[in-house]
Every structure is written in structure tokens, then in C-alpha cells.
Amino acid sequence: MMNALGDPQSLLVLGGSSEIGLATARRLVRGRVEVVHLAGRPSPALDAAAEELRALGAQVHVHEFDATAVDTHETVLGKIFAEGDIDVALLAFGVLGDQERDERDPLAAAAVAKVNYLGAVTASLVCAQALRRQGHGALVVLSSVAGERARRSNFIYGSTKAGLDAFAQGLGDSLHGTGARVMVVRPGFVRTRMTEGLPEAPLATTADAVAEATVAGLRRGAETVWVPGALRFVMSGLRHVPRAVFRRLPV
């Protein structure tokens, strides 16, 4: 349960080896989070994340979770919530895909959509139902500014984030008044393993900066967090650029 100061004491990270997820977990553990559940595919990175958080003083539980195995989400996540209340559930999994390859191979494009949208929808619904029953807690959904307007260079990835973002907003509205809530985080280009080797975009950020903004957003009860904050105004302008002009922009 939240402590008397309103600080979360338990955390679930879906995509337990995610760099942004781990950076957020570090910050929360250095705060007042005592129990962390890391859910993801078994890997050395997941084990290393667990050991790092244990070294910071957290009680860490590792769970096998596959975003694409949507028929298992109710069972896997149900068991986690059965172990005790979760104050913050962070949906941090996702894949970037390869735009050129995915355009040529519809099944590869479908695989990106299955992780980023379908898997996120089922996992979010299970978490939201549990948070509703608890009567408290926040579901943090890691979206992207790529979902604000489809770009020629990554419209497959961007379309999955657009769908997830719209879904998360509606889910948050459905939880209004229950004590549970949804916070959508929209980072721009983040320097991580996933984007390594890609041309860096303007207003690029880091996993630590996204984590800092996420924790700050949780504290103030935000519904939407942009990272960096200036992207809110940049994307507001880009949304209204005529399509004939937008397709000629180097984005």
C-alpha cells in the first residue's frame, strides 16, 4: 500500500529488462519502494536487473512474462497481484522493428504490432482490473511521440504507439473515480540499446531522464508526461502541418 506520505511501496515492471523500466525502478527504490516485481522473458539482462535492485535494498521477485503470449497474461499477472497490492505497474516493453524489412514482410510488421499493441492491451487490462479491485494504484504506460503523427520513416512502429496511446487514455477515463489511474509517458528519441545505431533526432533524451520525469509525474498525479517537456509544443505544431508539407519534412 501507499505509505502515509502517498509514496508507492510496491512496483511491477512489465518488460523487466527495459532500460527505461530499470532506470525508473532504481529511482523508486531509492525513494520508498520496497517490493519490486520484474516480469519479462528469462535472460541474463533480467537477472542482472534483479540483482542490481536487490543491492539497492529492494525485495525483488522475477516472473516469466511474454508480451506476445496474450492468453497467459491473466494467469501470470493475476498471480503477481495475488501476492499483494501493487502501487505502480509500469508497462515498459516494446520493440522498434525494422521499417524497411517490416514493409516488405507483413508478418514481421504483425509481430511488431503484437508486442507493442496487442500484448500491451491485454496486459494493461489485466493490471487495470486488479488496480480497480485494490481501489488504488497507477498504471504507467510507456508510449512515444512517434504515435502523435505517423512518419514515413517509422509509421509501423508509430502506428502501434498511436493505438496504444489512444487505448491508454480511454482506459484512464474508465478508471476515473475508482482510486486507480493511468499515466501516459510520451518520450521522444531515447538513447538506449533499442535505438543504438540510428540517427539521433532533435531533443533526444536518455532513459534516466525519462525515469526522472515519470517519477515526478507520479508524484504530482499527472495524466500525461512528455519527455523532454518541450516536445508537447513541438508535436502540437507538427499535428497541424498540412500533409503535403509534412511528407517533405526530414522526419
C-alpha atoms as a PDB file:
ATOM      1  CA  MET A   1       0.000   0.000   0.000  1.00  0.00           C
ATOM      2  CA  MET A   2       0.992   3.642  -0.401  1.00  0.00           C
ATOM      3  CA  ASN A   3       2.566   4.952   2.784  1.00  0.00           C
ATOM      4  CA  ALA A   4       1.254   7.894   4.796  1.00  0.00           C
ATOM      5  CA  LEU A   5       3.095  10.320   2.502  1.00  0.00           C
ATOM      6  CA  GLY A   6       1.486   8.856  -0.607  1.00  0.00           C
ATOM      7  CA  ASP A   7       4.706   7.277  -1.832  1.00  0.00           C
ATOM      8  CA  PRO A   8       4.470   3.919  -3.636  1.00  0.00           C
ATOM      9  CA  GLN A   9       5.969   0.954  -1.835  1.00  0.00           C
ATOM     10  CA  SER A  10       5.493  -1.748  -4.477  1.00  0.00           C
ATOM     11  CA  LEU A  11       6.284  -1.772  -8.190  1.00  0.00           C
ATOM     12  CA  LEU A  12       5.596  -4.094 -11.109  1.00  0.00           C
ATOM     13  CA  VAL A  13       7.701  -3.641 -14.247  1.00  0.00           C
ATOM     14  CA  LEU A  14       6.367  -5.347 -17.367  1.00  0.00           C
ATOM     15  CA  GLY A  15       9.447  -5.628 -19.537  1.00  0.00           C
ATOM     16  CA  GLY A  16      11.747  -6.129 -16.577  1.00  0.00           C
ATOM     17  CA  SER A  17      14.984  -5.730 -18.521  1.00  0.00           C
ATOM     18  CA  SER A  18      13.873  -2.492 -20.222  1.00  0.00           C
ATOM     19  CA  GLU A  19      16.438   0.268 -19.733  1.00  0.00           C
ATOM     20  CA  ILE A  20      13.719   2.827 -19.039  1.00  0.00           C
ATOM     21  CA  GLY A  21      11.903   0.396 -16.758  1.00  0.00           C
ATOM     22  CA  LEU A  22      15.070  -0.340 -14.792  1.00  0.00           C
ATOM     23  CA  ALA A  23      16.011   3.344 -14.552  1.00  0.00           C
ATOM     24  CA  THR A  24      12.540   4.090 -13.167  1.00  0.00           C
ATOM     25  CA  ALA A  25      12.761   1.199 -10.727  1.00  0.00           C
ATOM     26  CA  ARG A  26      16.116   2.476  -9.447  1.00  0.00           C
ATOM     27  CA  ARG A  27      14.648   5.880  -8.699  1.00  0.00           C
ATOM     28  CA  LEU A  28      11.606   4.454  -6.960  1.00  0.00           C
ATOM     29  CA  VAL A  29      13.674   2.026  -4.881  1.00  0.00           C
ATOM     30  CA  ARG A  30      15.935   4.885  -3.813  1.00  0.00           C
ATOM     31  CA  GLY A  31      12.725   6.562  -2.724  1.00  0.00           C
ATOM     32  CA  ARG A  32      10.414   4.324  -0.729  1.00  0.00           C
ATOM     33  CA  VAL A  33       9.575   1.323  -2.919  1.00  0.00           C
ATOM     34  CA  GLU A  34      10.367  -1.854  -1.008  1.00  0.00           C
ATOM     35  CA  VAL A  35       8.990  -4.617  -3.247  1.00  0.00           C
ATOM     36  CA  VAL A  36       9.692  -4.900  -6.983  1.00  0.00           C
ATOM     37  CA  HIS A  37       8.262  -7.449  -9.398  1.00  0.00           C
ATOM     38  CA  LEU A  38      10.211  -7.762 -12.646  1.00  0.00           C
ATOM     39  CA  ALA A  39       8.222  -9.536 -15.356  1.00  0.00           C
ATOM     40  CA  GLY A  40       9.867 -10.465 -18.625  1.00  0.00           C
ATOM     41  CA  ARG A  41      11.428 -13.147 -20.750  1.00  0.00           C
ATOM     42  CA  PRO A  42      14.188 -15.036 -18.907  1.00  0.00           C
ATOM     43  CA  SER A  43      17.549 -13.521 -19.807  1.00  0.00           C
ATOM     44  CA  PRO A  44      20.883 -12.521 -18.259  1.00  0.00           C
ATOM     45  CA  ALA A  45      19.725  -8.882 -18.500  1.00  0.00           C
ATOM     46  CA  LEU A  46      16.622  -9.636 -16.427  1.00  0.00           C
ATOM     47  CA  ASP A  47      18.697 -11.442 -13.802  1.00  0.00           C
ATOM     48  CA  ALA A  48      21.201  -8.588 -13.694  1.00  0.00           C
ATOM     49  CA  ALA A  49      18.385  -6.062 -13.214  1.00  0.00           C
ATOM     50  CA  ALA A  50      17.053  -8.065 -10.285  1.00  0.00           C
ATOM     51  CA  GLU A  51      20.469  -8.247  -8.633  1.00  0.00           C
ATOM     52  CA  GLU A  52      21.046  -4.522  -9.081  1.00  0.00           C
ATOM     53  CA  LEU A  53      17.749  -3.650  -7.393  1.00  0.00           C
ATOM     54  CA  ARG A  54      18.404  -6.124  -4.582  1.00  0.00           C
ATOM     55  CA  ALA A  55      21.746  -4.413  -3.995  1.00  0.00           C
ATOM     56  CA  LEU A  56      19.807  -1.167  -3.543  1.00  0.00           C
ATOM     57  CA  GLY A  57      17.772  -2.803  -0.785  1.00  0.00           C
ATOM     58  CA  ALA A  58      14.614  -3.907  -2.583  1.00  0.00           C
ATOM     59  CA  GLN A  59      12.874  -7.236  -2.232  1.00  0.00           C
ATOM     60  CA  VAL A  60      12.801  -8.398  -5.856  1.00  0.00           C
ATOM     61  CA  HIS A  61      10.689 -11.112  -7.454  1.00  0.00           C
ATOM     62  CA  VAL A  62      11.301 -12.241 -11.033  1.00  0.00           C
ATOM     63  CA  HIS A  63       8.434 -13.583 -13.135  1.00  0.00           C
ATOM     64  CA  GLU A  64       8.414 -15.130 -16.595  1.00  0.00           C
ATOM     65  CA  PHE A  65       6.262 -12.962 -18.847  1.00  0.00           C
ATOM     66  CA  ASP A  66       5.915 -12.935 -22.627  1.00  0.00           C
ATOM     67  CA  ALA A  67       4.126  -9.943 -24.146  1.00  0.00           C
ATOM     68  CA  THR A  68       3.165 -11.985 -27.216  1.00  0.00           C
ATOM     69  CA  ALA A  69       1.622 -14.850 -25.188  1.00  0.00           C
ATOM     70  CA  VAL A  70      -1.573 -12.893 -24.607  1.00  0.00           C
ATOM     71  CA  ASP A  71      -3.502 -15.972 -23.473  1.00  0.00           C
ATOM     72  CA  THR A  72      -1.184 -16.232 -20.434  1.00  0.00           C
ATOM     73  CA  HIS A  73      -1.451 -12.647 -19.206  1.00  0.00           C
ATOM     74  CA  GLU A  74      -4.411 -13.116 -16.909  1.00  0.00           C
ATOM     75  CA  THR A  75      -2.775 -16.093 -15.205  1.00  0.00           C
ATOM     76  CA  VAL A  76       0.751 -14.677 -14.922  1.00  0.00           C
ATOM     77  CA  LEU A  77      -0.254 -11.195 -13.811  1.00  0.00           C
ATOM     78  CA  GLY A  78      -3.087 -12.489 -11.652  1.00  0.00           C
ATOM     79  CA  LYS A  79      -0.561 -14.461  -9.593  1.00  0.00           C
ATOM     80  CA  ILE A  80       1.587 -11.365  -9.115  1.00  0.00           C
ATOM     81  CA  PHE A  81      -1.305  -9.249  -7.865  1.00  0.00           C
ATOM     82  CA  ALA A  82      -2.391 -12.139  -5.618  1.00  0.00           C
ATOM     83  CA  GLU A  83       0.909 -11.798  -3.741  1.00  0.00           C
ATOM     84  CA  GLY A  84      -0.021  -8.303  -2.553  1.00  0.00           C
ATOM     85  CA  ASP A  85      -1.160  -4.885  -3.708  1.00  0.00           C
ATOM     86  CA  ILE A  86       0.811  -3.173  -6.459  1.00  0.00           C
ATOM     87  CA  ASP A  87       1.113   0.598  -6.138  1.00  0.00           C
ATOM     88  CA  VAL A  88       2.665   1.224  -9.563  1.00  0.00           C
ATOM     89  CA  ALA A  89       2.536  -1.021 -12.626  1.00  0.00           C
ATOM     90  CA  LEU A  90       4.882   0.150 -15.381  1.00  0.00           C
ATOM     91  CA  LEU A  91       4.273  -1.139 -18.905  1.00  0.00           C
ATOM     92  CA  ALA A  92       7.757  -0.757 -20.385  1.00  0.00           C
ATOM     93  CA  PHE A  93       8.040  -3.458 -23.050  1.00  0.00           C
ATOM     94  CA  GLY A  94       8.114  -2.784 -26.765  1.00  0.00           C
ATOM     95  CA  VAL A  95      10.057  -3.343 -29.977  1.00  0.00           C
ATOM     96  CA  LEU A  96      11.152  -0.834 -32.600  1.00  0.00           C
ATOM     97  CA  GLY A  97      11.172  -3.206 -35.538  1.00  0.00           C
ATOM     98  CA  ASP A  98      12.866  -2.500 -38.854  1.00  0.00           C
ATOM     99  CA  GLN A  99      10.750  -0.248 -41.060  1.00  0.00           C
ATOM    100  CA  GLU A 100      12.211  -1.334 -44.411  1.00  0.00           C
ATOM    101  CA  ARG A 101      12.035  -5.035 -43.568  1.00  0.00           C
ATOM    102  CA  ASP A 102       8.612  -4.795 -41.994  1.00  0.00           C
ATOM    103  CA  GLU A 103       7.160  -3.038 -45.048  1.00  0.00           C
ATOM    104  CA  ARG A 104       8.321  -5.958 -47.196  1.00  0.00           C
ATOM    105  CA  ASP A 105       7.225  -8.638 -44.730  1.00  0.00           C
ATOM    106  CA  PRO A 106       3.673  -8.264 -43.409  1.00  0.00           C
ATOM    107  CA  LEU A 107       4.252 -10.979 -40.790  1.00  0.00           C
ATOM    108  CA  ALA A 108       7.233  -9.068 -39.407  1.00  0.00           C
ATOM    109  CA  ALA A 109       5.039  -5.966 -39.195  1.00  0.00           C
ATOM    110  CA  ALA A 110       2.390  -8.022 -37.424  1.00  0.00           C
ATOM    111  CA  ALA A 111       4.996  -9.168 -34.887  1.00  0.00           C
ATOM    112  CA  VAL A 112       5.772  -5.536 -34.007  1.00  0.00           C
ATOM    113  CA  ALA A 113       2.065  -4.810 -33.617  1.00  0.00           C
ATOM    114  CA  LYS A 114       1.536  -7.912 -31.483  1.00  0.00           C
ATOM    115  CA  VAL A 115       4.116  -6.798 -28.931  1.00  0.00           C
ATOM    116  CA  ASN A 116       3.539  -3.046 -28.947  1.00  0.00           C
ATOM    117  CA  TYR A 117      -0.237  -3.015 -29.171  1.00  0.00           C
ATOM    118  CA  LEU A 118      -1.959  -6.364 -28.698  1.00  0.00           C
ATOM    119  CA  GLY A 119       0.266  -7.520 -25.844  1.00  0.00           C
ATOM    120  CA  ALA A 120       0.104  -4.094 -24.245  1.00  0.00           C
ATOM    121  CA  VAL A 121      -3.692  -4.020 -24.434  1.00  0.00           C
ATOM    122  CA  THR A 122      -4.193  -7.374 -22.725  1.00  0.00           C
ATOM    123  CA  ALA A 123      -1.550  -6.726 -20.059  1.00  0.00           C
ATOM    124  CA  SER A 124      -2.937  -3.245 -19.360  1.00  0.00           C
ATOM    125  CA  LEU A 125      -6.489  -4.530 -18.995  1.00  0.00           C
ATOM    126  CA  VAL A 126      -5.428  -7.205 -16.522  1.00  0.00           C
ATOM    127  CA  CYS A 127      -3.461  -4.645 -14.484  1.00  0.00           C
ATOM    128  CA  ALA A 128      -6.295  -2.115 -14.614  1.00  0.00           C
ATOM    129  CA  GLN A 129      -8.820  -4.647 -13.352  1.00  0.00           C
ATOM    130  CA  ALA A 130      -6.522  -5.520 -10.444  1.00  0.00           C
ATOM    131  CA  LEU A 131      -5.886  -1.862  -9.593  1.00  0.00           C
ATOM    132  CA  ARG A 132      -9.624  -1.203  -9.710  1.00  0.00           C
ATOM    133  CA  ARG A 133     -10.217  -4.026  -7.215  1.00  0.00           C
ATOM    134  CA  GLN A 134      -7.484  -2.635  -4.966  1.00  0.00           C
ATOM    135  CA  GLY A 135      -9.035   0.812  -5.100  1.00  0.00           C
ATOM    136  CA  HIS A 136      -5.665   2.478  -5.601  1.00  0.00           C
ATOM    137  CA  GLY A 137      -2.551   2.416  -7.739  1.00  0.00           C
ATOM    138  CA  ALA A 138      -1.226   3.741 -11.054  1.00  0.00           C
ATOM    139  CA  LEU A 139      -0.671   2.057 -14.388  1.00  0.00           C
ATOM    140  CA  VAL A 140       2.139   3.842 -16.226  1.00  0.00           C
ATOM    141  CA  VAL A 141       2.087   3.234 -19.980  1.00  0.00           C
ATOM    142  CA  LEU A 142       5.259   3.982 -21.903  1.00  0.00           C
ATOM    143  CA  SER A 143       4.056   5.468 -25.181  1.00  0.00           C
ATOM    144  CA  SER A 144       6.042   7.611 -27.652  1.00  0.00           C
ATOM    145  CA  VAL A 145       5.827  10.871 -29.542  1.00  0.00           C
ATOM    146  CA  ALA A 146       6.062   8.625 -32.623  1.00  0.00           C
ATOM    147  CA  GLY A 147       2.388   7.917 -32.066  1.00  0.00           C
ATOM    148  CA  GLU A 148       1.411  11.573 -32.345  1.00  0.00           C
ATOM    149  CA  ARG A 149       1.679  11.616 -36.142  1.00  0.00           C
ATOM    150  CA  ALA A 150       2.745   8.811 -38.490  1.00  0.00           C
ATOM    151  CA  ARG A 151       6.089   9.484 -40.182  1.00  0.00           C
ATOM    152  CA  ARG A 152       7.299   7.869 -43.372  1.00  0.00           C
ATOM    153  CA  SER A 153      10.474   6.648 -41.660  1.00  0.00           C
ATOM    154  CA  ASN A 154       8.748   4.639 -38.910  1.00  0.00           C
ATOM    155  CA  PHE A 155       4.995   4.552 -39.485  1.00  0.00           C
ATOM    156  CA  ILE A 156       4.643   0.883 -38.497  1.00  0.00           C
ATOM    157  CA  TYR A 157       6.135   1.471 -35.051  1.00  0.00           C
ATOM    158  CA  GLY A 158       4.412   4.851 -34.810  1.00  0.00           C
ATOM    159  CA  SER A 159       1.015   3.371 -35.615  1.00  0.00           C
ATOM    160  CA  THR A 160       1.334   0.826 -32.808  1.00  0.00           C
ATOM    161  CA  LYS A 161       2.181   3.591 -30.342  1.00  0.00           C
ATOM    162  CA  ALA A 162      -0.703   5.712 -31.632  1.00  0.00           C
ATOM    163  CA  GLY A 163      -3.087   2.853 -30.947  1.00  0.00           C
ATOM    164  CA  LEU A 164      -1.596   2.182 -27.523  1.00  0.00           C
ATOM    165  CA  ASP A 165      -1.707   5.854 -26.580  1.00  0.00           C
ATOM    166  CA  ALA A 166      -5.391   6.176 -27.522  1.00  0.00           C
ATOM    167  CA  PHE A 167      -6.188   2.951 -25.668  1.00  0.00           C
ATOM    168  CA  ALA A 168      -4.348   4.083 -22.531  1.00  0.00           C
ATOM    169  CA  GLN A 169      -6.185   7.408 -22.480  1.00  0.00           C
ATOM    170  CA  GLY A 170      -9.544   5.652 -22.731  1.00  0.00           C
ATOM    171  CA  LEU A 171      -8.522   3.157 -20.073  1.00  0.00           C
ATOM    172  CA  GLY A 172      -7.604   6.032 -17.779  1.00  0.00           C
ATOM    173  CA  ASP A 173     -11.027   7.585 -18.307  1.00  0.00           C
ATOM    174  CA  SER A 174     -12.671   4.252 -17.468  1.00  0.00           C
ATOM    175  CA  LEU A 175     -10.817   4.169 -14.130  1.00  0.00           C
ATOM    176  CA  HIS A 176     -11.757   7.711 -13.132  1.00  0.00           C
ATOM    177  CA  GLY A 177     -13.311   7.722  -9.665  1.00  0.00           C
ATOM    178  CA  THR A 178     -12.097   4.226  -8.748  1.00  0.00           C
ATOM    179  CA  GLY A 179      -8.935   5.278  -6.924  1.00  0.00           C
ATOM    180  CA  ALA A 180      -6.814   3.745  -9.702  1.00  0.00           C
ATOM    181  CA  ARG A 181      -5.428   5.748 -12.602  1.00  0.00           C
ATOM    182  CA  VAL A 182      -3.389   5.641 -15.813  1.00  0.00           C
ATOM    183  CA  MET A 183      -0.436   7.872 -16.647  1.00  0.00           C
ATOM    184  CA  VAL A 184       0.822   8.006 -20.242  1.00  0.00           C
ATOM    185  CA  VAL A 185       4.505   8.821 -20.790  1.00  0.00           C
ATOM    186  CA  ARG A 186       5.477  10.142 -24.244  1.00  0.00           C
ATOM    187  CA  PRO A 187       9.249  10.313 -24.687  1.00  0.00           C
ATOM    188  CA  GLY A 188      10.945  11.395 -27.870  1.00  0.00           C
ATOM    189  CA  PHE A 189      14.065   9.674 -29.197  1.00  0.00           C
ATOM    190  CA  VAL A 190      15.663   7.857 -26.256  1.00  0.00           C
ATOM    191  CA  ARG A 191      19.300   6.772 -26.353  1.00  0.00           C
ATOM    192  CA  THR A 192      19.044   3.070 -25.463  1.00  0.00           C
ATOM    193  CA  ARG A 193      20.100  -0.293 -26.851  1.00  0.00           C
ATOM    194  CA  MET A 194      16.931  -0.285 -28.962  1.00  0.00           C
ATOM    195  CA  THR A 195      17.918   2.906 -30.809  1.00  0.00           C
ATOM    196  CA  GLU A 196      21.660   2.236 -30.971  1.00  0.00           C
ATOM    197  CA  GLY A 197      22.998   2.963 -34.441  1.00  0.00           C
ATOM    198  CA  LEU A 198      20.033   5.098 -35.503  1.00  0.00           C
ATOM    199  CA  PRO A 199      20.433   8.777 -36.459  1.00  0.00           C
ATOM    200  CA  GLU A 200      19.753  10.860 -33.370  1.00  0.00           C
ATOM    201  CA  ALA A 201      16.668  13.057 -33.510  1.00  0.00           C
ATOM    202  CA  PRO A 202      16.381  16.611 -32.140  1.00  0.00           C
ATOM    203  CA  LEU A 203      15.507  16.834 -28.426  1.00  0.00           C
ATOM    204  CA  ALA A 204      16.900  13.334 -27.841  1.00  0.00           C
ATOM    205  CA  THR A 205      16.782  12.143 -24.253  1.00  0.00           C
ATOM    206  CA  THR A 206      18.026   9.340 -22.004  1.00  0.00           C
ATOM    207  CA  ALA A 207      16.470   6.511 -20.019  1.00  0.00           C
ATOM    208  CA  ASP A 208      17.389   8.297 -16.786  1.00  0.00           C
ATOM    209  CA  ALA A 209      15.665  11.486 -17.923  1.00  0.00           C
ATOM    210  CA  VAL A 210      12.518   9.545 -18.810  1.00  0.00           C
ATOM    211  CA  ALA A 211      12.649   7.836 -15.403  1.00  0.00           C
ATOM    212  CA  GLU A 212      13.033  11.174 -13.601  1.00  0.00           C
ATOM    213  CA  ALA A 213      10.071  12.656 -15.481  1.00  0.00           C
ATOM    214  CA  THR A 214       7.989   9.541 -14.825  1.00  0.00           C
ATOM    215  CA  VAL A 215       8.578   9.619 -11.077  1.00  0.00           C
ATOM    216  CA  ALA A 216       7.863  13.356 -10.983  1.00  0.00           C
ATOM    217  CA  GLY A 217       4.639  12.770 -12.922  1.00  0.00           C
ATOM    218  CA  LEU A 218       3.535  10.103 -10.458  1.00  0.00           C
ATOM    219  CA  ARG A 219       4.135  12.461  -7.548  1.00  0.00           C
ATOM    220  CA  ARG A 220       2.015  15.235  -8.988  1.00  0.00           C
ATOM    221  CA  GLY A 221      -0.748  12.929 -10.237  1.00  0.00           C
ATOM    222  CA  ALA A 222      -0.177  13.710 -13.925  1.00  0.00           C
ATOM    223  CA  GLU A 223      -2.176  12.023 -16.659  1.00  0.00           C
ATOM    224  CA  THR A 224       0.351  12.708 -19.427  1.00  0.00           C
ATOM    225  CA  VAL A 225       4.110  13.227 -19.288  1.00  0.00           C
ATOM    226  CA  TRP A 226       6.231  14.458 -22.216  1.00  0.00           C
ATOM    227  CA  VAL A 227       9.996  13.887 -22.200  1.00  0.00           C
ATOM    228  CA  PRO A 228      11.505  16.357 -22.728  1.00  0.00           C
ATOM    229  CA  GLY A 229       8.656  18.723 -21.918  1.00  0.00           C
ATOM    230  CA  ALA A 230       9.319  20.885 -24.986  1.00  0.00           C
ATOM    231  CA  LEU A 231       8.026  18.073 -27.200  1.00  0.00           C
ATOM    232  CA  ARG A 232       4.479  18.909 -26.126  1.00  0.00           C
ATOM    233  CA  PHE A 233       4.727  22.170 -28.088  1.00  0.00           C
ATOM    234  CA  VAL A 234       6.724  20.714 -30.995  1.00  0.00           C
ATOM    235  CA  MET A 235       4.185  17.962 -31.579  1.00  0.00           C
ATOM    236  CA  SER A 236       1.290  20.378 -31.180  1.00  0.00           C
ATOM    237  CA  GLY A 237       2.687  22.258 -34.161  1.00  0.00           C
ATOM    238  CA  LEU A 238       3.511  19.176 -36.230  1.00  0.00           C
ATOM    239  CA  ARG A 239      -0.014  17.805 -35.812  1.00  0.00           C
ATOM    240  CA  HIS A 240      -1.332  20.777 -37.763  1.00  0.00           C
ATOM    241  CA  VAL A 241       1.220  20.836 -40.581  1.00  0.00           C
ATOM    242  CA  PRO A 242      -0.567  20.094 -43.901  1.00  0.00           C
ATOM    243  CA  ARG A 243       0.089  16.560 -45.062  1.00  0.00           C
ATOM    244  CA  ALA A 244       1.595  17.649 -48.381  1.00  0.00           C
ATOM    245  CA  VAL A 245       4.153  19.683 -46.431  1.00  0.00           C
ATOM    246  CA  PHE A 246       4.669  17.123 -43.662  1.00  0.00           C
ATOM    247  CA  ARG A 247       5.667  14.343 -46.058  1.00  0.00           C
ATOM    248  CA  ARG A 248       8.519  16.505 -47.366  1.00  0.00           C
ATOM    249  CA  LEU A 249       9.949  17.158 -43.907  1.00  0.00           C
ATOM    250  CA  PRO A 250      13.145  15.240 -42.995  1.00  0.00           C
ATOM    251  CA  VAL A 251      11.397  13.201 -40.304  1.00  0.00           C
END
